C-alpha atoms as a PDB file:
ATOM      1  CA  ALA A   1      -0.002  -0.032   0.056  1.00  0.00           C
ATOM      2  CA  GLU A   2       1.097   3.617  -0.660  1.00  0.00           C
ATOM      3  CA  GLY A   3       1.379   4.546   2.977  1.00  0.00           C
ATOM      4  CA  ASP A   4       3.516   1.519   3.761  1.00  0.00           C
ATOM      5  CA  ALA A   5       6.465   2.667   1.707  1.00  0.00           C
ATOM      6  CA  GLY A   6       8.617   3.387   4.756  1.00  0.00           C
ATOM      7  CA  VAL A   7       8.178  -0.086   6.013  1.00  0.00           C
ATOM      8  CA  VAL A   8       8.400  -1.824   2.720  1.00  0.00           C
ATOM      9  CA  SER A   9      11.825  -0.300   2.062  1.00  0.00           C
ATOM     10  CA  SER A  10      13.109  -1.947   5.197  1.00  0.00           C
ATOM     11  CA  LEU A  11      11.574  -5.379   4.743  1.00  0.00           C
ATOM     12  CA  ARG A  12      14.872  -6.975   3.790  1.00  0.00           C
ATOM     13  CA  LEU A  13      15.849  -6.603   7.439  1.00  0.00           C
ATOM     14  CA  ASN A  14      17.782  -3.377   7.225  1.00  0.00           C
ATOM     15  CA  ALA A  15      18.593  -2.043  10.680  1.00  0.00           C
ATOM     16  CA  ASP A  16      17.292   1.514  10.082  1.00  0.00           C
ATOM     17  CA  TYR A  17      13.612   0.772  10.756  1.00  0.00           C
ATOM     18  CA  GLU A  18      12.897   1.389  14.485  1.00  0.00           C
ATOM     19  CA  PRO A  19      16.490   0.378  15.278  1.00  0.00           C
ATOM     20  CA  GLU A  20      16.095   0.533  19.010  1.00  0.00           C
ATOM     21  CA  THR A  21      13.218  -1.861  18.956  1.00  0.00           C
ATOM     22  CA  THR A  22      15.018  -4.074  16.504  1.00  0.00           C
ATOM     23  CA  ASP A  23      18.124  -4.218  18.737  1.00  0.00           C
ATOM     24  CA  ALA A  24      16.032  -4.913  21.875  1.00  0.00           C
ATOM     25  CA  LEU A  25      14.158  -7.688  20.121  1.00  0.00           C
ATOM     26  CA  LEU A  26      17.341  -9.361  18.939  1.00  0.00           C
ATOM     27  CA  ALA A  27      18.745  -9.162  22.454  1.00  0.00           C
ATOM     28  CA  MET A  28      15.653 -10.888  23.905  1.00  0.00           C
ATOM     29  CA  LEU A  29      15.248 -13.731  21.424  1.00  0.00           C
ATOM     30  CA  ASN A  30      17.316 -16.966  21.082  1.00  0.00           C
ATOM     31  CA  PRO A  31      17.080 -19.925  18.776  1.00  0.00           C
ATOM     32  CA  GLY A  32      13.977 -22.003  19.595  1.00  0.00           C
ATOM     33  CA  ASP A  33      12.055 -19.200  21.233  1.00  0.00           C
ATOM     34  CA  CYS A  34       8.507 -18.211  20.494  1.00  0.00           C
ATOM     35  CA  PHE A  35       7.588 -14.568  19.453  1.00  0.00           C
ATOM     36  CA  VAL A  36       4.068 -13.139  19.182  1.00  0.00           C
ATOM     37  CA  ASP A  37       3.650 -10.198  16.922  1.00  0.00           C
ATOM     38  CA  LEU A  38       0.301  -8.468  17.514  1.00  0.00           C
ATOM     39  CA  GLY A  39      -0.440  -6.000  14.747  1.00  0.00           C
ATOM     40  CA  ALA A  40       2.298  -7.368  12.521  1.00  0.00           C
ATOM     41  CA  ARG A  41       1.395  -5.172   9.563  1.00  0.00           C
ATOM     42  CA  ILE A  42       3.470  -6.386   6.578  1.00  0.00           C
ATOM     43  CA  GLY A  43       5.977  -8.145   8.716  1.00  0.00           C
ATOM     44  CA  PHE A  44       9.179  -6.400   9.556  1.00  0.00           C
ATOM     45  CA  PHE A  45       9.400  -7.442  13.196  1.00  0.00           C
ATOM     46  CA  SER A  46       8.017 -10.889  12.381  1.00  0.00           C
ATOM     47  CA  LEU A  47      10.930 -11.341   9.960  1.00  0.00           C
ATOM     48  CA  VAL A  48      13.486 -10.065  12.417  1.00  0.00           C
ATOM     49  CA  ALA A  49      12.127 -12.506  15.022  1.00  0.00           C
ATOM     50  CA  ALA A  50      12.019 -15.419  12.602  1.00  0.00           C
ATOM     51  CA  ARG A  51      15.640 -15.036  11.726  1.00  0.00           C
ATOM     52  CA  ALA A  52      16.454 -14.839  15.476  1.00  0.00           C
ATOM     53  CA  VAL A  53      14.425 -17.898  16.625  1.00  0.00           C
ATOM     54  CA  GLY A  54      15.543 -20.037  13.656  1.00  0.00           C
ATOM     55  CA  GLU A  55      14.045 -23.219  12.408  1.00  0.00           C
ATOM     56  CA  THR A  56      13.296 -24.511  15.865  1.00  0.00           C
ATOM     57  CA  GLY A  57      11.450 -21.375  16.916  1.00  0.00           C
ATOM     58  CA  ARG A  58       7.943 -20.103  16.274  1.00  0.00           C
ATOM     59  CA  VAL A  59       6.504 -16.752  15.292  1.00  0.00           C
ATOM     60  CA  PHE A  60       2.745 -15.997  15.427  1.00  0.00           C
ATOM     61  CA  SER A  61       1.972 -12.908  13.338  1.00  0.00           C
ATOM     62  CA  PHE A  62      -1.447 -11.366  14.014  1.00  0.00           C
ATOM     63  CA  GLU A  63      -2.719  -9.087  11.231  1.00  0.00           C
ATOM     64  CA  PRO A  64      -6.541  -8.687  11.135  1.00  0.00           C
ATOM     65  CA  VAL A  65      -6.978  -6.872   7.820  1.00  0.00           C
ATOM     66  CA  GLU A  66      -7.127  -9.088   4.804  1.00  0.00           C
ATOM     67  CA  THR A  67      -5.235  -6.939   2.311  1.00  0.00           C
ATOM     68  CA  THR A  68      -2.403  -6.316   4.755  1.00  0.00           C
ATOM     69  CA  ALA A  69      -2.328 -10.014   5.854  1.00  0.00           C
ATOM     70  CA  ARG A  70      -1.912 -10.956   2.165  1.00  0.00           C
ATOM     71  CA  LEU A  71       1.245  -8.765   1.987  1.00  0.00           C
ATOM     72  CA  LEU A  72       2.409 -10.222   5.288  1.00  0.00           C
ATOM     73  CA  ARG A  73       2.173 -13.763   3.954  1.00  0.00           C
ATOM     74  CA  LYS A  74       4.006 -12.733   0.770  1.00  0.00           C
ATOM     75  CA  ASN A  75       6.862 -11.148   2.681  1.00  0.00           C
ATOM     76  CA  ILE A  76       7.210 -14.129   4.963  1.00  0.00           C
ATOM     77  CA  VAL A  77       7.420 -16.597   2.063  1.00  0.00           C
ATOM     78  CA  GLU A  78       9.744 -14.421  -0.059  1.00  0.00           C
ATOM     79  CA  ASN A  79      12.144 -14.082   2.904  1.00  0.00           C
ATOM     80  CA  GLY A  80      12.149 -17.855   3.403  1.00  0.00           C
ATOM     81  CA  PHE A  81      10.414 -17.969   6.817  1.00  0.00           C
ATOM     82  CA  GLY A  82       7.215 -19.846   5.833  1.00  0.00           C
ATOM     83  CA  PRO A  83       7.858 -22.803   8.092  1.00  0.00           C
ATOM     84  CA  THR A  84       8.561 -20.656  11.111  1.00  0.00           C
ATOM     85  CA  CYS A  85       5.768 -17.975  10.912  1.00  0.00           C
ATOM     86  CA  THR A  86       2.085 -18.562  11.270  1.00  0.00           C
ATOM     87  CA  VAL A  87      -0.117 -15.648  10.088  1.00  0.00           C
ATOM     88  CA  VAL A  88      -3.323 -15.161  12.238  1.00  0.00           C
ATOM     89  CA  GLN A  89      -5.899 -12.988  10.568  1.00  0.00           C
ATOM     90  CA  LYS A  90      -7.611 -11.801  13.793  1.00  0.00           C
ATOM     91  CA  ALA A  91      -7.655  -8.829  16.061  1.00  0.00           C
ATOM     92  CA  THR A  92      -6.867  -9.269  19.818  1.00  0.00           C
ATOM     93  CA  GLY A  93      -8.745  -7.922  22.771  1.00  0.00           C
ATOM     94  CA  ASP A  94     -10.300  -9.080  26.083  1.00  0.00           C
ATOM     95  CA  ARG A  95     -13.006 -11.274  24.523  1.00  0.00           C
ATOM     96  CA  GLN A  96     -13.659 -13.594  21.643  1.00  0.00           C
ATOM     97  CA  GLY A  97     -16.084 -12.544  18.893  1.00  0.00           C
ATOM     98  CA  SER A  98     -15.707  -9.844  16.319  1.00  0.00           C
ATOM     99  CA  VAL A  99     -15.023  -6.143  16.027  1.00  0.00           C
ATOM    100  CA  ARG A 100     -15.466  -3.495  13.326  1.00  0.00           C
ATOM    101  CA  PHE A 101     -12.286  -2.053  11.855  1.00  0.00           C
ATOM    102  CA  ALA A 102     -11.833   1.283  10.140  1.00  0.00           C
ATOM    103  CA  ILE A 103      -9.880   0.610   6.885  1.00  0.00           C
ATOM    104  CA  HIS A 104      -7.646   3.305   5.448  1.00  0.00           C
ATOM    105  CA  GLU A 105      -7.139   2.696   1.743  1.00  0.00           C
ATOM    106  CA  HIS A 106      -3.610   3.843   1.437  1.00  0.00           C
ATOM    107  CA  SER A 107      -2.000   2.706   4.635  1.00  0.00           C
ATOM    108  CA  SER A 108      -2.196  -0.485   6.610  1.00  0.00           C
ATOM    109  CA  VAL A 109      -0.432   1.415   9.451  1.00  0.00           C
ATOM    110  CA  SER A 110      -3.604   3.391  10.164  1.00  0.00           C
ATOM    111  CA  ASN A 111      -6.155   0.581  10.264  1.00  0.00           C
ATOM    112  CA  LYS A 112      -7.740   0.295  13.702  1.00  0.00           C
ATOM    113  CA  MET A 113     -10.840  -0.707  15.595  1.00  0.00           C
ATOM    114  CA  VAL A 114     -13.752   1.681  14.923  1.00  0.00           C
ATOM    115  CA  SER A 115     -14.033   2.547  18.661  1.00  0.00           C
ATOM    116  CA  ALA A 116     -10.364   3.822  18.447  1.00  0.00           C
ATOM    117  CA  ALA A 117     -10.527   5.298  14.995  1.00  0.00           C
ATOM    118  CA  GLY A 118     -11.866   8.729  15.859  1.00  0.00           C
ATOM    119  CA  SER A 119     -14.380   8.492  13.020  1.00  0.00           C
ATOM    120  CA  GLU A 120     -17.465   6.345  12.598  1.00  0.00           C
ATOM    121  CA  THR A 121     -17.725   7.340   8.898  1.00  0.00           C
ATOM    122  CA  ALA A 122     -14.633   5.540   7.576  1.00  0.00           C
ATOM    123  CA  GLN A 123     -14.977   2.329   5.532  1.00  0.00           C
ATOM    124  CA  THR A 124     -15.400  -0.512   8.032  1.00  0.00           C
ATOM    125  CA  VAL A 125     -15.203  -4.257   7.894  1.00  0.00           C
ATOM    126  CA  GLU A 126     -16.113  -6.964  10.452  1.00  0.00           C
ATOM    127  CA  ILE A 127     -12.940  -8.666  11.795  1.00  0.00           C
ATOM    128  CA  PRO A 128     -12.757 -11.807  13.970  1.00  0.00           C
ATOM    129  CA  MET A 129     -11.346 -11.135  17.420  1.00  0.00           C
ATOM    130  CA  THR A 130      -9.756 -13.507  19.964  1.00  0.00           C
ATOM    131  CA  THR A 131      -7.828 -13.190  23.274  1.00  0.00           C
ATOM    132  CA  LEU A 132      -4.205 -14.135  23.250  1.00  0.00           C
ATOM    133  CA  ASP A 133      -5.014 -16.664  26.025  1.00  0.00           C
ATOM    134  CA  ALA A 134      -7.671 -18.336  23.952  1.00  0.00           C
ATOM    135  CA  PHE A 135      -5.432 -18.498  20.854  1.00  0.00           C
ATOM    136  CA  LEU A 136      -2.383 -19.917  22.697  1.00  0.00           C
ATOM    137  CA  ALA A 137      -4.644 -22.451  24.396  1.00  0.00           C
ATOM    138  CA  GLU A 138      -5.670 -23.674  20.950  1.00  0.00           C
ATOM    139  CA  GLN A 139      -1.944 -24.059  20.210  1.00  0.00           C
ATOM    140  CA  GLY A 140      -1.329 -26.145  23.306  1.00  0.00           C
ATOM    141  CA  HIS A 141       0.178 -23.321  25.408  1.00  0.00           C
ATOM    142  CA  PRO A 142       3.638 -23.088  23.722  1.00  0.00           C
ATOM    143  CA  PRO A 143       6.169 -21.222  25.917  1.00  0.00           C
ATOM    144  CA  VAL A 144       6.186 -17.615  24.801  1.00  0.00           C
ATOM    145  CA  HIS A 145       9.257 -15.337  25.290  1.00  0.00           C
ATOM    146  CA  VAL A 146       8.296 -11.998  23.790  1.00  0.00           C
ATOM    147  CA  VAL A 147       4.940 -10.383  22.873  1.00  0.00           C
ATOM    148  CA  LYS A 148       5.128  -7.196  20.763  1.00  0.00           C
ATOM    149  CA  MET A 149       1.871  -5.315  20.399  1.00  0.00           C
ATOM    150  CA  ASP A 150       1.150  -2.516  18.007  1.00  0.00           C
ATOM    151  CA  VAL A 151      -2.561  -2.626  18.062  1.00  0.00           C
ATOM    152  CA  GLU A 152      -3.557   1.026  17.568  1.00  0.00           C
ATOM    153  CA  GLY A 153      -5.360   1.742  20.819  1.00  0.00           C
ATOM    154  CA  ALA A 154      -6.403  -1.792  21.753  1.00  0.00           C
ATOM    155  CA  GLU A 155      -3.376  -2.371  24.122  1.00  0.00           C
ATOM    156  CA  LEU A 156      -5.379  -2.320  27.444  1.00  0.00           C
ATOM    157  CA  ALA A 157      -7.969  -4.780  26.185  1.00  0.00           C
ATOM    158  CA  THR A 158      -5.254  -7.030  24.730  1.00  0.00           C
ATOM    159  CA  MET A 159      -3.386  -7.008  27.994  1.00  0.00           C
ATOM    160  CA  ARG A 160      -6.566  -7.981  29.887  1.00  0.00           C
ATOM    161  CA  GLY A 161      -6.874 -10.911  27.420  1.00  0.00           C
ATOM    162  CA  MET A 162      -3.421 -12.378  28.189  1.00  0.00           C
ATOM    163  CA  LYS A 163      -3.596 -13.041  31.971  1.00  0.00           C
ATOM    164  CA  GLU A 164      -3.076 -16.812  31.565  1.00  0.00           C
ATOM    165  CA  THR A 165      -0.225 -16.297  29.116  1.00  0.00           C
ATOM    166  CA  CYS A 166       1.568 -14.059  31.568  1.00  0.00           C
ATOM    167  CA  ALA A 167       1.049 -16.571  34.354  1.00  0.00           C
ATOM    168  CA  LYS A 168       2.385 -19.433  32.323  1.00  0.00           C
ATOM    169  CA  ASN A 169       5.426 -17.615  31.150  1.00  0.00           C
ATOM    170  CA  PRO A 170       7.438 -16.145  34.006  1.00  0.00           C
ATOM    171  CA  HIS A 171      10.259 -14.875  31.787  1.00  0.00           C
ATOM    172  CA  LEU A 172       7.918 -13.234  29.266  1.00  0.00           C
ATOM    173  CA  ARG A 173       8.708  -9.689  28.052  1.00  0.00           C
ATOM    174  CA  VAL A 174       6.133  -7.404  26.469  1.00  0.00           C
ATOM    175  CA  ILE A 175       6.758  -4.558  24.007  1.00  0.00           C
ATOM    176  CA  PHE A 176       3.993  -2.014  23.511  1.00  0.00           C
ATOM    177  CA  GLU A 177       3.728   1.478  21.961  1.00  0.00           C
ATOM    178  CA  LEU A 178       3.096   4.544  23.912  1.00  0.00           C
ATOM    179  CA  HIS A 179       1.014   6.464  21.327  1.00  0.00           C
ATOM    180  CA  HIS A 180      -0.472   9.683  22.646  1.00  0.00           C
ATOM    181  CA  ALA A 181      -3.076  10.118  19.906  1.00  0.00           C
ATOM    182  CA  ASN A 182      -4.365   6.589  20.299  1.00  0.00           C
ATOM    183  CA  LEU A 183      -4.648   6.965  24.118  1.00  0.00           C
ATOM    184  CA  GLN A 184      -6.621  10.137  23.517  1.00  0.00           C
ATOM    185  CA  ASN A 185      -8.899   8.499  21.030  1.00  0.00           C
ATOM    186  CA  THR A 186      -9.680   5.586  23.272  1.00  0.00           C
ATOM    187  CA  LYS A 187      -9.843   7.769  26.422  1.00  0.00           C
ATOM    188  CA  ILE A 188      -7.363   5.465  28.121  1.00  0.00           C
ATOM    189  CA  ALA A 189      -4.764   6.979  30.426  1.00  0.00           C
ATOM    190  CA  ALA A 190      -1.163   5.850  29.997  1.00  0.00           C
ATOM    191  CA  ALA A 191      -1.154   4.944  33.685  1.00  0.00           C
ATOM    192  CA  GLU A 192      -3.796   2.237  33.010  1.00  0.00           C
ATOM    193  CA  LEU A 193      -1.430   0.392  30.732  1.00  0.00           C
ATOM    194  CA  PHE A 194       1.428   0.359  33.267  1.00  0.00           C
ATOM    195  CA  GLU A 195      -0.988  -0.624  36.137  1.00  0.00           C
ATOM    196  CA  GLU A 196      -2.410  -3.467  34.052  1.00  0.00           C
ATOM    197  CA  LEU A 197       1.068  -4.733  33.309  1.00  0.00           C
ATOM    198  CA  GLN A 198       1.992  -4.481  36.975  1.00  0.00           C
ATOM    199  CA  SER A 199      -1.030  -6.537  37.896  1.00  0.00           C
ATOM    200  CA  LEU A 200       0.320  -9.172  35.415  1.00  0.00           C
ATOM    201  CA  GLY A 201       3.636  -9.257  37.250  1.00  0.00           C
ATOM    202  CA  PHE A 202       5.692  -6.773  35.285  1.00  0.00           C
ATOM    203  CA  GLN A 203       7.782  -4.514  37.443  1.00  0.00           C
ATOM    204  CA  ARG A 204      10.395  -2.869  35.226  1.00  0.00           C
ATOM    205  CA  PHE A 205       9.775  -0.642  32.181  1.00  0.00           C
ATOM    206  CA  PHE A 206      12.146   0.776  29.605  1.00  0.00           C
ATOM    207  CA  ARG A 207      11.668   3.423  26.933  1.00  0.00           C
ATOM    208  CA  LEU A 208      13.130   2.549  23.517  1.00  0.00           C
ATOM    209  CA  HIS A 209      14.148   5.762  21.919  1.00  0.00           C
ATOM    210  CA  ARG A 210      17.780   6.309  20.979  1.00  0.00           C
ATOM    211  CA  THR A 211      18.766   4.361  24.049  1.00  0.00           C
ATOM    212  CA  LYS A 212      17.082   1.940  26.381  1.00  0.00           C
ATOM    213  CA  THR A 213      15.988   4.151  29.282  1.00  0.00           C
ATOM    214  CA  GLU A 214      14.339   2.865  32.520  1.00  0.00           C
ATOM    215  CA  ILE A 215      10.933   4.314  33.295  1.00  0.00           C
ATOM    216  CA  ARG A 216      10.194   4.283  37.016  1.00  0.00           C
ATOM    217  CA  PHE A 217       6.508   4.001  37.477  1.00  0.00           C
ATOM    218  CA  PRO A 218       4.702   6.062  38.645  1.00  0.00           C
ATOM    219  CA  GLU A 219       7.508   8.612  39.266  1.00  0.00           C
ATOM    220  CA  ASP A 220       8.577   9.032  35.602  1.00  0.00           C
ATOM    221  CA  LEU A 221       5.172   8.619  33.949  1.00  0.00           C
ATOM    222  CA  GLU A 222       4.343  12.334  33.561  1.00  0.00           C
ATOM    223  CA  GLU A 223       7.649  12.984  31.761  1.00  0.00           C
ATOM    224  CA  ASN A 224       7.108  10.026  29.396  1.00  0.00           C
ATOM    225  CA  VAL A 225       3.566  11.074  28.658  1.00  0.00           C
ATOM    226  CA  ARG A 226       4.920  14.469  27.717  1.00  0.00           C
ATOM    227  CA  LEU A 227       7.488  12.897  25.461  1.00  0.00           C
ATOM    228  CA  SER A 228       4.771  10.815  23.775  1.00  0.00           C
ATOM    229  CA  ARG A 229       3.119  14.032  22.611  1.00  0.00           C
ATOM    230  CA  GLU A 230       6.296  14.789  20.653  1.00  0.00           C
ATOM    231  CA  PHE A 231       7.019  11.319  19.287  1.00  0.00           C
ATOM    232  CA  ASN A 232       5.628   7.731  19.651  1.00  0.00           C
ATOM    233  CA  PHE A 233       7.921   5.216  21.207  1.00  0.00           C
ATOM    234  CA  ASN A 234       7.913   1.570  22.291  1.00  0.00           C
ATOM    235  CA  VAL A 235       8.127   0.491  25.939  1.00  0.00           C
ATOM    236  CA  VAL A 236       9.524  -2.894  27.141  1.00  0.00           C
ATOM    237  CA  ALA A 237       7.945  -4.409  30.233  1.00  0.00           C
ATOM    238  CA  GLU A 238      10.002  -7.000  32.127  1.00  0.00           C
ATOM    239  CA  ARG A 239       9.481  -9.054  35.251  1.00  0.00           C
END
């Protein structure tokens, strides 16, 4: 898609696309590990992870929108990671069922749930939705090492749908985006994301922007919310 040009140009695993997150991900993953990519888009981080976990590892790439999922599958196959990556064409949240998505014709990066889209007049489609707990139960509860979520405002609901996953994987790390506009659209406070992760057992948080910088919660939250108004960044949550 036209709006994906910045991502497409990096799909051959160049290090210049979100380098801090790429470096963090490579430091976290080892051969044989399992990576869950929620909101995989056309697959950059799925490909990075697939290379890191190797033939004995697993990657589950969630991309709910059909046209984007088609590109995701194509990129996975063309990079030789078909046996490692499983594409899951579903959204994630705190329940099983379906959800309406607003579709932006020229950019898969902007597709999101209608409730988080800020406009009820955009073209919408009905998308199957699951919880991460339910999906992994269907897979036999494989050990999961890293979950990365880029779910355009559905972070809190997705976190609430992964309680069992967190309980079963004591060394799990979670990467999520602190995106000021999405939080505003969903009327979710940034503190709610950190509090939910704390309730799931995560006690340490790091901002990925230029360097890996620890975020003490709640002391450093206000400063990081201010920064998120200037630029979006990913946060790593660790036990």
